[in-house]
Amino acid sequence: MEKEVLDYAVEKTHDLMSAPSCSAEAKAAAQIWLDAIGTGEEAAETKKYIQELEEDVTPIDGLIGLAESEDGIQIFGAENAKNMAAHAKEIKTAGAQHCDCAACTAAAEILEKKDALLK
């Protein structure tokens, strides 16, 4: 893997891990991947990390569905869920494909380099 790509992914991984919206599973996978860099486990852990990121990026329609659901209201509160749904619809109209929270954004940015990371 090219140093420039690796450095970019490491930077975005730190962004991901510091995001309040980062799941515990993504944070754990990120740390394992960071610890594996430069070791014989790097390639295998990169594959696992990429898979975790692909599972964690919330598609925009999924975000809208959650925000408008009873579960979303329970998780976020009625007003926050309403605002989240409105925001998600707005960014979808502007072309967004996924949630724009800090964790999803960092994960999507890493995934843009997926092919280079898996080399």
C-alpha atoms as a PDB file:
ATOM      1  CA  MET A   1       0.000   0.000   0.000  1.00  0.00           C
ATOM      2  CA  GLU A   2       1.300   3.444  -0.887  1.00  0.00           C
ATOM      3  CA  LYS A   3       2.482   5.594   2.016  1.00  0.00           C
ATOM      4  CA  GLU A   4       0.253   8.493   0.953  1.00  0.00           C
ATOM      5  CA  VAL A   5      -2.849   6.262   0.991  1.00  0.00           C
ATOM      6  CA  LEU A   6      -1.849   4.727   4.310  1.00  0.00           C
ATOM      7  CA  ASP A   7      -1.258   8.137   5.893  1.00  0.00           C
ATOM      8  CA  TYR A   8      -4.646   9.348   4.621  1.00  0.00           C
ATOM      9  CA  ALA A   9      -6.417   6.262   5.983  1.00  0.00           C
ATOM     10  CA  VAL A  10      -4.681   6.584   9.353  1.00  0.00           C
ATOM     11  CA  GLU A  11      -5.716  10.242   9.607  1.00  0.00           C
ATOM     12  CA  LYS A  12      -9.330   9.448   8.691  1.00  0.00           C
ATOM     13  CA  THR A  13      -9.287   6.496  11.094  1.00  0.00           C
ATOM     14  CA  HIS A  14      -8.409   8.843  13.936  1.00  0.00           C
ATOM     15  CA  ASP A  15     -11.257  11.127  12.805  1.00  0.00           C
ATOM     16  CA  LEU A  16     -13.584   8.127  12.860  1.00  0.00           C
ATOM     17  CA  MET A  17     -12.504   7.005  16.306  1.00  0.00           C
ATOM     18  CA  SER A  18     -12.949  10.474  17.793  1.00  0.00           C
ATOM     19  CA  ALA A  19     -16.441  10.909  16.339  1.00  0.00           C
ATOM     20  CA  PRO A  20     -19.172  10.714  18.992  1.00  0.00           C
ATOM     21  CA  SER A  21     -21.288   8.730  16.537  1.00  0.00           C
ATOM     22  CA  CYS A  22     -18.642   6.022  16.010  1.00  0.00           C
ATOM     23  CA  SER A  23     -19.901   2.585  17.002  1.00  0.00           C
ATOM     24  CA  ALA A  24     -17.977   0.498  19.502  1.00  0.00           C
ATOM     25  CA  GLU A  25     -17.435  -2.155  16.819  1.00  0.00           C
ATOM     26  CA  ALA A  26     -15.981   0.346  14.348  1.00  0.00           C
ATOM     27  CA  LYS A  27     -13.758   1.855  17.018  1.00  0.00           C
ATOM     28  CA  ALA A  28     -12.449  -1.601  17.979  1.00  0.00           C
ATOM     29  CA  ALA A  29     -11.846  -2.579  14.325  1.00  0.00           C
ATOM     30  CA  ALA A  30     -10.067   0.726  13.743  1.00  0.00           C
ATOM     31  CA  GLN A  31      -7.732   0.193  16.688  1.00  0.00           C
ATOM     32  CA  ILE A  32      -6.976  -3.376  15.667  1.00  0.00           C
ATOM     33  CA  TRP A  33      -6.185  -2.165  12.148  1.00  0.00           C
ATOM     34  CA  LEU A  34      -3.945   0.627  13.421  1.00  0.00           C
ATOM     35  CA  ASP A  35      -2.098  -1.858  15.642  1.00  0.00           C
ATOM     36  CA  ALA A  36      -1.632  -4.230  12.680  1.00  0.00           C
ATOM     37  CA  ILE A  37       0.002  -1.676  10.383  1.00  0.00           C
ATOM     38  CA  GLY A  38       3.487  -2.818   9.501  1.00  0.00           C
ATOM     39  CA  THR A  39       2.932  -6.352  10.807  1.00  0.00           C
ATOM     40  CA  GLY A  40       2.183  -9.637   9.103  1.00  0.00           C
ATOM     41  CA  GLU A  41      -1.474  -9.157  10.049  1.00  0.00           C
ATOM     42  CA  GLU A  42      -1.892  -5.876   8.174  1.00  0.00           C
ATOM     43  CA  ALA A  43      -3.505  -7.310   5.023  1.00  0.00           C
ATOM     44  CA  ALA A  44      -5.962  -9.502   6.911  1.00  0.00           C
ATOM     45  CA  GLU A  45      -6.911  -6.734   9.333  1.00  0.00           C
ATOM     46  CA  THR A  46      -7.314  -4.265   6.480  1.00  0.00           C
ATOM     47  CA  LYS A  47      -9.908  -6.571   4.912  1.00  0.00           C
ATOM     48  CA  LYS A  48     -11.745  -6.890   8.224  1.00  0.00           C
ATOM     49  CA  TYR A  49     -11.605  -3.130   8.800  1.00  0.00           C
ATOM     50  CA  ILE A  50     -12.973  -2.381   5.326  1.00  0.00           C
ATOM     51  CA  GLN A  51     -15.805  -4.856   5.905  1.00  0.00           C
ATOM     52  CA  GLU A  52     -16.689  -3.187   9.220  1.00  0.00           C
ATOM     53  CA  LEU A  53     -16.685   0.250   7.606  1.00  0.00           C
ATOM     54  CA  GLU A  54     -18.933  -0.943   4.790  1.00  0.00           C
ATOM     55  CA  GLU A  55     -21.388  -2.273   7.356  1.00  0.00           C
ATOM     56  CA  ASP A  56     -21.306   0.908   9.447  1.00  0.00           C
ATOM     57  CA  VAL A  57     -21.870   3.635   6.850  1.00  0.00           C
ATOM     58  CA  THR A  58     -25.578   4.380   7.098  1.00  0.00           C
ATOM     59  CA  PRO A  59     -27.309   4.791   3.732  1.00  0.00           C
ATOM     60  CA  ILE A  60     -29.341   8.001   3.583  1.00  0.00           C
ATOM     61  CA  ASP A  61     -32.639   6.144   3.189  1.00  0.00           C
ATOM     62  CA  GLY A  62     -31.784   4.049   6.241  1.00  0.00           C
ATOM     63  CA  LEU A  63     -31.144   7.191   8.251  1.00  0.00           C
ATOM     64  CA  ILE A  64     -34.450   8.699   7.157  1.00  0.00           C
ATOM     65  CA  GLY A  65     -36.261   5.476   7.991  1.00  0.00           C
ATOM     66  CA  LEU A  66     -34.693   5.276  11.435  1.00  0.00           C
ATOM     67  CA  ALA A  67     -35.315   8.930  12.247  1.00  0.00           C
ATOM     68  CA  GLU A  68     -38.979   8.608  11.288  1.00  0.00           C
ATOM     69  CA  SER A  69     -39.541   5.334  13.165  1.00  0.00           C
ATOM     70  CA  GLU A  70     -40.672   4.686  16.716  1.00  0.00           C
ATOM     71  CA  ASP A  71     -37.184   3.316  17.419  1.00  0.00           C
ATOM     72  CA  GLY A  72     -35.664   6.566  16.166  1.00  0.00           C
ATOM     73  CA  ILE A  73     -37.944   8.598  18.396  1.00  0.00           C
ATOM     74  CA  GLN A  74     -36.958   6.406  21.350  1.00  0.00           C
ATOM     75  CA  ILE A  75     -33.247   6.717  20.572  1.00  0.00           C
ATOM     76  CA  PHE A  76     -33.033  10.405  19.651  1.00  0.00           C
ATOM     77  CA  GLY A  77     -36.127  11.921  21.247  1.00  0.00           C
ATOM     78  CA  ALA A  78     -39.090  13.210  19.252  1.00  0.00           C
ATOM     79  CA  GLU A  79     -37.708  16.642  18.380  1.00  0.00           C
ATOM     80  CA  ASN A  80     -34.205  15.410  17.512  1.00  0.00           C
ATOM     81  CA  ALA A  81     -35.627  12.582  15.396  1.00  0.00           C
ATOM     82  CA  LYS A  82     -37.839  15.051  13.523  1.00  0.00           C
ATOM     83  CA  ASN A  83     -34.889  17.365  12.906  1.00  0.00           C
ATOM     84  CA  MET A  84     -32.667  14.457  11.875  1.00  0.00           C
ATOM     85  CA  ALA A  85     -35.247  13.226   9.355  1.00  0.00           C
ATOM     86  CA  ALA A  86     -35.642  16.717   7.893  1.00  0.00           C
ATOM     87  CA  HIS A  87     -31.867  17.145   7.630  1.00  0.00           C
ATOM     88  CA  ALA A  88     -31.448  13.717   6.036  1.00  0.00           C
ATOM     89  CA  LYS A  89     -34.125  14.481   3.451  1.00  0.00           C
ATOM     90  CA  GLU A  90     -32.453  17.806   2.701  1.00  0.00           C
ATOM     91  CA  ILE A  91     -29.025  16.294   2.111  1.00  0.00           C
ATOM     92  CA  LYS A  92     -30.567  13.443   0.097  1.00  0.00           C
ATOM     93  CA  THR A  93     -32.147  16.024  -2.196  1.00  0.00           C
ATOM     94  CA  ALA A  94     -28.701  17.579  -2.563  1.00  0.00           C
ATOM     95  CA  GLY A  95     -27.307  14.197  -3.624  1.00  0.00           C
ATOM     96  CA  ALA A  96     -26.077  12.604  -0.397  1.00  0.00           C
ATOM     97  CA  GLN A  97     -25.846   8.832  -0.499  1.00  0.00           C
ATOM     98  CA  HIS A  98     -25.139   8.290   3.197  1.00  0.00           C
ATOM     99  CA  CYS A  99     -25.456   9.852   6.613  1.00  0.00           C
ATOM    100  CA  ASP A 100     -23.257  12.911   7.052  1.00  0.00           C
ATOM    101  CA  CYS A 101     -22.371  12.407  10.716  1.00  0.00           C
ATOM    102  CA  ALA A 102     -18.669  12.542  11.526  1.00  0.00           C
ATOM    103  CA  ALA A 103     -18.324   8.744  11.774  1.00  0.00           C
ATOM    104  CA  CYS A 104     -20.105   7.954   8.505  1.00  0.00           C
ATOM    105  CA  THR A 105     -18.217  10.734   6.723  1.00  0.00           C
ATOM    106  CA  ALA A 106     -14.819   9.477   7.915  1.00  0.00           C
ATOM    107  CA  ALA A 107     -15.722   5.876   7.073  1.00  0.00           C
ATOM    108  CA  ALA A 108     -16.907   6.856   3.591  1.00  0.00           C
ATOM    109  CA  GLU A 109     -13.693   8.803   3.014  1.00  0.00           C
ATOM    110  CA  ILE A 110     -11.639   5.747   3.971  1.00  0.00           C
ATOM    111  CA  LEU A 111     -13.769   3.549   1.728  1.00  0.00           C
ATOM    112  CA  GLU A 112     -13.022   5.850  -1.217  1.00  0.00           C
ATOM    113  CA  LYS A 113      -9.461   4.491  -0.930  1.00  0.00           C
ATOM    114  CA  LYS A 114     -10.620   0.889  -0.502  1.00  0.00           C
ATOM    115  CA  ASP A 115      -8.944  -0.484  -3.652  1.00  0.00           C
ATOM    116  CA  ALA A 116      -5.617   1.122  -2.818  1.00  0.00           C
ATOM    117  CA  LEU A 117      -5.834  -0.058   0.805  1.00  0.00           C
ATOM    118  CA  LEU A 118      -6.438  -3.645  -0.263  1.00  0.00           C
ATOM    119  CA  LYS A 119      -3.423  -3.755  -2.625  1.00  0.00           C
END
